[in-house]
Amino acid sequence: MYVRVIINISIPSQLISQLFRFCFALTGENLNEELLKAGLAWHYKYFDKSIKFSNLEKIARKNQKGIWSMPNPIAPWDFRRASKQYSY
């Protein structure tokens, strides 16, 4: 069973990136950690210096989970940069 909860709030734009850096599920789990553990996310070290997140990504890479099971995964920031070069 799924429950949809709609909350309408106003957030100043300068706070949005700070608020969404850590996302938590209703169960209290940190979604960022879970995505890194499963190999479904990259740790963007330029903006976040968390050793914990860095270690979770290293473990996922070592165990070839998710995107790390691919032969040559491309970081999102590299993909966007390349896409801009070849856009029409």
PDB file of N, CA and C in Angstrom:
ATOM      1  N   MET A   1       0.834  -1.173   0.000  1.00  0.00           N
ATOM      2  CA  MET A   1       0.000   0.000   0.000  1.00  0.00           C
ATOM      3  C   MET A   1       0.883   1.242   0.000  1.00  0.00           C
ATOM      4  N   TYR A   2       0.538   2.203  -0.833  1.00  0.00           N
ATOM      5  CA  TYR A   2       1.281   3.443  -0.914  1.00  0.00           C
ATOM      6  C   TYR A   2       0.412   4.588  -0.416  1.00  0.00           C
ATOM      7  N   VAL A   3       1.049   5.522   0.248  1.00  0.00           N
ATOM      8  CA  VAL A   3       0.346   6.699   0.748  1.00  0.00           C
ATOM      9  C   VAL A   3       1.015   7.919   0.137  1.00  0.00           C
ATOM     10  N   ARG A   4       0.234   8.777  -0.471  1.00  0.00           N
ATOM     11  CA  ARG A   4       0.772  10.002  -1.052  1.00  0.00           C
ATOM     12  C   ARG A   4       0.509  11.135  -0.076  1.00  0.00           C
ATOM     13  N   VAL A   5       1.577  11.834   0.284  1.00  0.00           N
ATOM     14  CA  VAL A   5       1.465  12.972   1.185  1.00  0.00           C
ATOM     15  C   VAL A   5       1.932  14.196   0.412  1.00  0.00           C
ATOM     16  N   ILE A   6       1.080  15.191   0.325  1.00  0.00           N
ATOM     17  CA  ILE A   6       1.425  16.416  -0.377  1.00  0.00           C
ATOM     18  C   ILE A   6       1.546  17.535   0.645  1.00  0.00           C
ATOM     19  N   ILE A   7       2.715  18.162   0.646  1.00  0.00           N
ATOM     20  CA  ILE A   7       2.972  19.264   1.562  1.00  0.00           C
ATOM     21  C   ILE A   7       3.409  20.455   0.722  1.00  0.00           C
ATOM     22  N   ASN A   8       2.794  21.574   0.919  1.00  0.00           N
ATOM     23  CA  ASN A   8       3.123  22.777   0.172  1.00  0.00           C
ATOM     24  C   ASN A   8       3.892  23.719   1.097  1.00  0.00           C
ATOM     25  N   ILE A   9       5.195  23.900   0.802  1.00  0.00           N
ATOM     26  CA  ILE A   9       6.016  24.794   1.618  1.00  0.00           C
ATOM     27  C   ILE A   9       6.809  25.722   0.699  1.00  0.00           C
ATOM     28  N   SER A  10       7.241  26.834   1.248  1.00  0.00           N
ATOM     29  CA  SER A  10       8.091  27.773   0.513  1.00  0.00           C
ATOM     30  C   SER A  10       9.492  27.711   1.092  1.00  0.00           C
ATOM     31  N   ILE A  11      10.473  27.531   0.220  1.00  0.00           N
ATOM     32  CA  ILE A  11      11.863  27.441   0.647  1.00  0.00           C
ATOM     33  C   ILE A  11      12.673  28.452  -0.158  1.00  0.00           C
ATOM     34  N   PRO A  12      13.445  29.309   0.512  1.00  0.00           N
ATOM     35  CA  PRO A  12      14.301  30.239  -0.230  1.00  0.00           C
ATOM     36  C   PRO A  12      15.276  29.458  -1.117  1.00  0.00           C
ATOM     37  N   SER A  13      15.505  29.932  -2.343  1.00  0.00           N
ATOM     38  CA  SER A  13      16.311  29.189  -3.315  1.00  0.00           C
ATOM     39  C   SER A  13      17.723  28.883  -2.818  1.00  0.00           C
ATOM     40  N   GLN A  14      18.320  29.757  -2.027  1.00  0.00           N
ATOM     41  CA  GLN A  14      19.681  29.509  -1.548  1.00  0.00           C
ATOM     42  C   GLN A  14      19.747  28.333  -0.570  1.00  0.00           C
ATOM     43  N   LEU A  15      18.628  27.939   0.003  1.00  0.00           N
ATOM     44  CA  LEU A  15      18.620  26.820   0.949  1.00  0.00           C
ATOM     45  C   LEU A  15      18.293  25.483   0.300  1.00  0.00           C
ATOM     46  N   ILE A  16      17.792  25.507  -0.925  1.00  0.00           N
ATOM     47  CA  ILE A  16      17.325  24.269  -1.545  1.00  0.00           C
ATOM     48  C   ILE A  16      18.438  23.231  -1.640  1.00  0.00           C
ATOM     49  N   SER A  17      19.612  23.592  -2.162  1.00  0.00           N
ATOM     50  CA  SER A  17      20.676  22.601  -2.309  1.00  0.00           C
ATOM     51  C   SER A  17      21.131  22.059  -0.958  1.00  0.00           C
ATOM     52  N   GLN A  18      21.157  22.911   0.058  1.00  0.00           N
ATOM     53  CA  GLN A  18      21.552  22.456   1.383  1.00  0.00           C
ATOM     54  C   GLN A  18      20.524  21.491   1.959  1.00  0.00           C
ATOM     55  N   LEU A  19      19.251  21.778   1.733  1.00  0.00           N
ATOM     56  CA  LEU A  19      18.196  20.920   2.282  1.00  0.00           C
ATOM     57  C   LEU A  19      18.148  19.556   1.615  1.00  0.00           C
ATOM     58  N   PHE A  20      18.465  19.495   0.328  1.00  0.00           N
ATOM     59  CA  PHE A  20      18.353  18.238  -0.391  1.00  0.00           C
ATOM     60  C   PHE A  20      19.642  17.436  -0.416  1.00  0.00           C
ATOM     61  N   ARG A  21      20.679  17.890   0.249  1.00  0.00           N
ATOM     62  CA  ARG A  21      21.912  17.100   0.293  1.00  0.00           C
ATOM     63  C   ARG A  21      21.698  15.798   1.041  1.00  0.00           C
ATOM     64  N   PHE A  22      20.909  15.842   2.090  1.00  0.00           N
ATOM     65  CA  PHE A  22      20.623  14.644   2.857  1.00  0.00           C
ATOM     66  C   PHE A  22      19.129  14.375   2.783  1.00  0.00           C
ATOM     67  N   CYS A  23      18.789  13.285   2.135  1.00  0.00           N
ATOM     68  CA  CYS A  23      17.393  12.893   1.986  1.00  0.00           C
ATOM     69  C   CYS A  23      17.141  11.681   2.876  1.00  0.00           C
ATOM     70  N   PHE A  24      16.057  11.706   3.588  1.00  0.00           N
ATOM     71  CA  PHE A  24      15.736  10.599   4.478  1.00  0.00           C
ATOM     72  C   PHE A  24      14.404   9.983   4.092  1.00  0.00           C
ATOM     73  N   ALA A  25      14.358   8.671   4.128  1.00  0.00           N
ATOM     74  CA  ALA A  25      13.111   7.965   3.873  1.00  0.00           C
ATOM     75  C   ALA A  25      12.238   8.076   5.116  1.00  0.00           C
ATOM     76  N   LEU A  26      10.979   7.723   4.966  1.00  0.00           N
ATOM     77  CA  LEU A  26      10.077   7.765   6.112  1.00  0.00           C
ATOM     78  C   LEU A  26      10.524   6.809   7.209  1.00  0.00           C
ATOM     79  N   THR A  27      11.302   5.794   6.845  1.00  0.00           N
ATOM     80  CA  THR A  27      11.794   4.835   7.839  1.00  0.00           C
ATOM     81  C   THR A  27      12.992   5.372   8.611  1.00  0.00           C
ATOM     82  N   GLY A  28      13.501   6.543   8.207  1.00  0.00           N
ATOM     83  CA  GLY A  28      14.646   7.123   8.891  1.00  0.00           C
ATOM     84  C   GLY A  28      15.977   6.792   8.247  1.00  0.00           C
ATOM     85  N   GLU A  29      15.960   5.990   7.162  1.00  0.00           N
ATOM     86  CA  GLU A  29      17.204   5.656   6.473  1.00  0.00           C
ATOM     87  C   GLU A  29      17.661   6.845   5.635  1.00  0.00           C
ATOM     88  N   ASN A  30      18.951   7.023   5.536  1.00  0.00           N
ATOM     89  CA  ASN A  30      19.518   8.079   4.712  1.00  0.00           C
ATOM     90  C   ASN A  30      19.551   7.569   3.273  1.00  0.00           C
ATOM     91  N   LEU A  31      18.755   8.163   2.389  1.00  0.00           N
ATOM     92  CA  LEU A  31      18.675   7.695   1.009  1.00  0.00           C
ATOM     93  C   LEU A  31      19.994   7.850   0.278  1.00  0.00           C
ATOM     94  N   ASN A  32      20.747   8.900   0.591  1.00  0.00           N
ATOM     95  CA  ASN A  32      22.057   9.080  -0.040  1.00  0.00           C
ATOM     96  C   ASN A  32      22.950   7.880   0.252  1.00  0.00           C
ATOM     97  N   GLU A  33      22.980   7.446   1.500  1.00  0.00           N
ATOM     98  CA  GLU A  33      23.799   6.294   1.879  1.00  0.00           C
ATOM     99  C   GLU A  33      23.326   5.029   1.172  1.00  0.00           C
ATOM    100  N   GLU A  34      22.021   4.828   1.136  1.00  0.00           N
ATOM    101  CA  GLU A  34      21.476   3.621   0.521  1.00  0.00           C
ATOM    102  C   GLU A  34      21.776   3.573  -0.976  1.00  0.00           C
ATOM    103  N   LEU A  35      21.672   4.728  -1.658  1.00  0.00           N
ATOM    104  CA  LEU A  35      21.982   4.773  -3.081  1.00  0.00           C
ATOM    105  C   LEU A  35      23.462   4.502  -3.331  1.00  0.00           C
ATOM    106  N   LEU A  36      24.332   5.055  -2.502  1.00  0.00           N
ATOM    107  CA  LEU A  36      25.765   4.803  -2.651  1.00  0.00           C
ATOM    108  C   LEU A  36      26.098   3.333  -2.382  1.00  0.00           C
ATOM    109  N   LYS A  37      25.503   2.751  -1.345  1.00  0.00           N
ATOM    110  CA  LYS A  37      25.740   1.334  -1.026  1.00  0.00           C
ATOM    111  C   LYS A  37      25.344   0.428  -2.178  1.00  0.00           C
ATOM    112  N   ALA A  38      24.233   0.765  -2.838  1.00  0.00           N
ATOM    113  CA  ALA A  38      23.713  -0.069  -3.925  1.00  0.00           C
ATOM    114  C   ALA A  38      24.425   0.205  -5.253  1.00  0.00           C
ATOM    115  N   GLY A  39      25.317   1.181  -5.257  1.00  0.00           N
ATOM    116  CA  GLY A  39      26.016   1.522  -6.492  1.00  0.00           C
ATOM    117  C   GLY A  39      25.126   2.252  -7.475  1.00  0.00           C
ATOM    118  N   LEU A  40      24.156   2.983  -6.976  1.00  0.00           N
ATOM    119  CA  LEU A  40      23.204   3.690  -7.831  1.00  0.00           C
ATOM    120  C   LEU A  40      23.425   5.199  -7.839  1.00  0.00           C
ATOM    121  N   ALA A  41      24.526   5.641  -7.232  1.00  0.00           N
ATOM    122  CA  ALA A  41      24.819   7.077  -7.183  1.00  0.00           C
ATOM    123  C   ALA A  41      26.322   7.284  -7.129  1.00  0.00           C
ATOM    124  N   TRP A  42      26.748   8.464  -7.517  1.00  0.00           N
ATOM    125  CA  TRP A  42      28.146   8.878  -7.419  1.00  0.00           C
ATOM    126  C   TRP A  42      28.275   9.821  -6.226  1.00  0.00           C
ATOM    127  N   HIS A  43      29.408   9.752  -5.560  1.00  0.00           N
ATOM    128  CA  HIS A  43      29.698  10.721  -4.504  1.00  0.00           C
ATOM    129  C   HIS A  43      30.408  11.893  -5.171  1.00  0.00           C
ATOM    130  N   TYR A  44      29.760  13.044  -5.209  1.00  0.00           N
ATOM    131  CA  TYR A  44      30.314  14.226  -5.854  1.00  0.00           C
ATOM    132  C   TYR A  44      31.218  14.931  -4.847  1.00  0.00           C
ATOM    133  N   LYS A  45      32.475  14.577  -4.867  1.00  0.00           N
ATOM    134  CA  LYS A  45      33.437  15.034  -3.868  1.00  0.00           C
ATOM    135  C   LYS A  45      33.744  16.527  -3.949  1.00  0.00           C
ATOM    136  N   TYR A  46      33.432  17.139  -5.083  1.00  0.00           N
ATOM    137  CA  TYR A  46      33.675  18.574  -5.226  1.00  0.00           C
ATOM    138  C   TYR A  46      32.824  19.375  -4.240  1.00  0.00           C
ATOM    139  N   PHE A  47      31.581  18.927  -4.020  1.00  0.00           N
ATOM    140  CA  PHE A  47      30.669  19.643  -3.125  1.00  0.00           C
ATOM    141  C   PHE A  47      30.542  19.009  -1.748  1.00  0.00           C
ATOM    142  N   ASP A  48      30.895  17.737  -1.628  1.00  0.00           N
ATOM    143  CA  ASP A  48      30.714  17.044  -0.358  1.00  0.00           C
ATOM    144  C   ASP A  48      31.994  16.305   0.000  1.00  0.00           C
ATOM    145  N   LYS A  49      32.541  16.593   1.151  1.00  0.00           N
ATOM    146  CA  LYS A  49      33.817  16.000   1.576  1.00  0.00           C
ATOM    147  C   LYS A  49      33.626  14.856   2.567  1.00  0.00           C
ATOM    148  N   SER A  50      32.430  14.294   2.629  1.00  0.00           N
ATOM    149  CA  SER A  50      32.122  13.243   3.589  1.00  0.00           C
ATOM    150  C   SER A  50      32.972  11.994   3.358  1.00  0.00           C
ATOM    151  N   ILE A  51      33.718  11.602   4.357  1.00  0.00           N
ATOM    152  CA  ILE A  51      34.532  10.383   4.275  1.00  0.00           C
ATOM    153  C   ILE A  51      33.622   9.164   4.238  1.00  0.00           C
ATOM    154  N   LYS A  52      32.520   9.230   4.971  1.00  0.00           N
ATOM    155  CA  LYS A  52      31.580   8.111   5.002  1.00  0.00           C
ATOM    156  C   LYS A  52      31.017   7.839   3.608  1.00  0.00           C
ATOM    157  N   PHE A  53      30.568   8.882   2.918  1.00  0.00           N
ATOM    158  CA  PHE A  53      30.023   8.714   1.568  1.00  0.00           C
ATOM    159  C   PHE A  53      31.105   8.221   0.611  1.00  0.00           C
ATOM    160  N   SER A  54      32.308   8.753   0.763  1.00  0.00           N
ATOM    161  CA  SER A  54      33.415   8.329  -0.084  1.00  0.00           C
ATOM    162  C   SER A  54      33.701   6.835   0.102  1.00  0.00           C
ATOM    163  N   ASN A  55      33.699   6.392   1.356  1.00  0.00           N
ATOM    164  CA  ASN A  55      33.950   4.974   1.644  1.00  0.00           C
ATOM    165  C   ASN A  55      32.828   4.078   1.111  1.00  0.00           C
ATOM    166  N   LEU A  56      31.585   4.538   1.216  1.00  0.00           N
ATOM    167  CA  LEU A  56      30.468   3.748   0.687  1.00  0.00           C
ATOM    168  C   LEU A  56      30.599   3.564  -0.819  1.00  0.00           C
ATOM    169  N   GLU A  57      31.017   4.621  -1.517  1.00  0.00           N
ATOM    170  CA  GLU A  57      31.214   4.494  -2.963  1.00  0.00           C
ATOM    171  C   GLU A  57      32.363   3.542  -3.267  1.00  0.00           C
ATOM    172  N   LYS A  58      33.454   3.629  -2.510  1.00  0.00           N
ATOM    173  CA  LYS A  58      34.601   2.737  -2.733  1.00  0.00           C
ATOM    174  C   LYS A  58      34.210   1.272  -2.556  1.00  0.00           C
ATOM    175  N   ILE A  59      33.407   0.991  -1.549  1.00  0.00           N
ATOM    176  CA  ILE A  59      32.953  -0.385  -1.299  1.00  0.00           C
ATOM    177  C   ILE A  59      32.067  -0.866  -2.450  1.00  0.00           C
ATOM    178  N   ALA A  60      31.158  -0.021  -2.905  1.00  0.00           N
ATOM    179  CA  ALA A  60      30.281  -0.388  -4.026  1.00  0.00           C
ATOM    180  C   ALA A  60      31.106  -0.633  -5.291  1.00  0.00           C
ATOM    181  N   ARG A  61      32.125   0.202  -5.522  1.00  0.00           N
ATOM    182  CA  ARG A  61      33.004  -0.001  -6.683  1.00  0.00           C
ATOM    183  C   ARG A  61      33.728  -1.339  -6.565  1.00  0.00           C
ATOM    184  N   LYS A  62      34.277  -1.599  -5.387  1.00  0.00           N
ATOM    185  CA  LYS A  62      35.036  -2.839  -5.167  1.00  0.00           C
ATOM    186  C   LYS A  62      34.152  -4.067  -5.400  1.00  0.00           C
ATOM    187  N   ASN A  63      32.906  -4.000  -4.947  1.00  0.00           N
ATOM    188  CA  ASN A  63      31.981  -5.130  -5.088  1.00  0.00           C
ATOM    189  C   ASN A  63      31.206  -5.108  -6.413  1.00  0.00           C
ATOM    190  N   GLN A  64      31.523  -4.150  -7.265  1.00  0.00           N
ATOM    191  CA  GLN A  64      30.908  -4.007  -8.594  1.00  0.00           C
ATOM    192  C   GLN A  64      29.387  -4.013  -8.533  1.00  0.00           C
ATOM    193  N   LYS A  65      28.858  -3.177  -7.662  1.00  0.00           N
ATOM    194  CA  LYS A  65      27.403  -3.049  -7.528  1.00  0.00           C
ATOM    195  C   LYS A  65      26.894  -1.942  -8.437  1.00  0.00           C
ATOM    196  N   GLY A  66      25.686  -2.115  -8.934  1.00  0.00           N
ATOM    197  CA  GLY A  66      25.012  -1.080  -9.720  1.00  0.00           C
ATOM    198  C   GLY A  66      25.823  -0.589 -10.895  1.00  0.00           C
ATOM    199  N   ILE A  67      26.033   0.730 -10.964  1.00  0.00           N
ATOM    200  CA  ILE A  67      26.763   1.316 -12.084  1.00  0.00           C
ATOM    201  C   ILE A  67      28.206   0.844 -12.140  1.00  0.00           C
ATOM    202  N   TRP A  68      28.722   0.362 -11.036  1.00  0.00           N
ATOM    203  CA  TRP A  68      30.118  -0.076 -10.997  1.00  0.00           C
ATOM    204  C   TRP A  68      30.298  -1.457 -11.612  1.00  0.00           C
ATOM    205  N   SER A  69      29.201  -2.107 -11.982  1.00  0.00           N
ATOM    206  CA  SER A  69      29.296  -3.387 -12.687  1.00  0.00           C
ATOM    207  C   SER A  69      29.476  -3.156 -14.192  1.00  0.00           C
ATOM    208  N   MET A  70      29.303  -1.912 -14.633  1.00  0.00           N
ATOM    209  CA  MET A  70      29.474  -1.568 -16.047  1.00  0.00           C
ATOM    210  C   MET A  70      30.961  -1.398 -16.356  1.00  0.00           C
ATOM    211  N   PRO A  71      31.377  -1.692 -17.599  1.00  0.00           N
ATOM    212  CA  PRO A  71      32.805  -1.593 -17.922  1.00  0.00           C
ATOM    213  C   PRO A  71      33.374  -0.179 -17.828  1.00  0.00           C
ATOM    214  N   ASN A  72      32.622   0.824 -18.282  1.00  0.00           N
ATOM    215  CA  ASN A  72      33.120   2.209 -18.268  1.00  0.00           C
ATOM    216  C   ASN A  72      32.022   3.189 -17.871  1.00  0.00           C
ATOM    217  N   PRO A  73      31.649   3.230 -16.587  1.00  0.00           N
ATOM    218  CA  PRO A  73      30.604   4.179 -16.192  1.00  0.00           C
ATOM    219  C   PRO A  73      31.089   5.619 -16.376  1.00  0.00           C
ATOM    220  N   ILE A  74      30.168   6.488 -16.755  1.00  0.00           N
ATOM    221  CA  ILE A  74      30.501   7.898 -16.985  1.00  0.00           C
ATOM    222  C   ILE A  74      29.829   8.723 -15.899  1.00  0.00           C
ATOM    223  N   ALA A  75      30.622   9.529 -15.222  1.00  0.00           N
ATOM    224  CA  ALA A  75      30.085  10.398 -14.172  1.00  0.00           C
ATOM    225  C   ALA A  75      29.076  11.367 -14.770  1.00  0.00           C
ATOM    226  N   PRO A  76      28.005  11.689 -14.044  1.00  0.00           N
ATOM    227  CA  PRO A  76      26.982  12.595 -14.575  1.00  0.00           C
ATOM    228  C   PRO A  76      27.553  13.940 -15.030  1.00  0.00           C
ATOM    229  N   TRP A  77      28.495  14.497 -14.285  1.00  0.00           N
ATOM    230  CA  TRP A  77      29.062  15.792 -14.638  1.00  0.00           C
ATOM    231  C   TRP A  77      29.892  15.691 -15.919  1.00  0.00           C
ATOM    232  N   ASP A  78      30.545  14.546 -16.153  1.00  0.00           N
ATOM    233  CA  ASP A  78      31.278  14.357 -17.409  1.00  0.00           C
ATOM    234  C   ASP A  78      30.311  14.170 -18.580  1.00  0.00           C
ATOM    235  N   PHE A  79      29.220  13.447 -18.339  1.00  0.00           N
ATOM    236  CA  PHE A  79      28.216  13.237 -19.375  1.00  0.00           C
ATOM    237  C   PHE A  79      27.589  14.563 -19.795  1.00  0.00           C
ATOM    238  N   ARG A  80      27.239  15.393 -18.810  1.00  0.00           N
ATOM    239  CA  ARG A  80      26.636  16.696 -19.128  1.00  0.00           C
ATOM    240  C   ARG A  80      27.616  17.577 -19.898  1.00  0.00           C
ATOM    241  N   ARG A  81      28.888  17.559 -19.497  1.00  0.00           N
ATOM    242  CA  ARG A  81      29.895  18.363 -20.185  1.00  0.00           C
ATOM    243  C   ARG A  81      30.036  17.906 -21.638  1.00  0.00           C
ATOM    244  N   ALA A  82      30.081  16.596 -21.857  1.00  0.00           N
ATOM    245  CA  ALA A  82      30.206  16.063 -23.225  1.00  0.00           C
ATOM    246  C   ALA A  82      28.955  16.364 -24.040  1.00  0.00           C
ATOM    247  N   SER A  83      27.782  16.296 -23.405  1.00  0.00           N
ATOM    248  CA  SER A  83      26.530  16.574 -24.107  1.00  0.00           C
ATOM    249  C   SER A  83      26.477  18.023 -24.575  1.00  0.00           C
ATOM    250  N   LYS A  84      27.003  18.928 -23.792  1.00  0.00           N
ATOM    251  CA  LYS A  84      27.013  20.344 -24.174  1.00  0.00           C
ATOM    252  C   LYS A  84      27.904  20.571 -25.398  1.00  0.00           C
ATOM    253  N   GLN A  85      29.008  19.827 -25.485  1.00  0.00           N
ATOM    254  CA  GLN A  85      29.913  19.973 -26.611  1.00  0.00           C
ATOM    255  C   GLN A  85      29.278  19.530 -27.914  1.00  0.00           C
ATOM    256  N   TYR A  86      28.390  18.531 -27.839  1.00  0.00           N
ATOM    257  CA  TYR A  86      27.806  17.975 -29.054  1.00  0.00           C
ATOM    258  C   TYR A  86      26.354  18.367 -29.257  1.00  0.00           C
ATOM    259  N   SER A  87      25.853  19.317 -28.491  1.00  0.00           N
ATOM    260  CA  SER A  87      24.450  19.720 -28.673  1.00  0.00           C
ATOM    261  C   SER A  87      24.318  20.530 -29.956  1.00  0.00           C
ATOM    262  N   TYR A  88      23.146  20.453 -30.546  1.00  0.00           N
ATOM    263  CA  TYR A  88      22.900  21.116 -31.833  1.00  0.00           C
ATOM    264  C   TYR A  88      22.335  22.486 -31.640  1.00  0.00           C
TER     265      TYR A  88
END
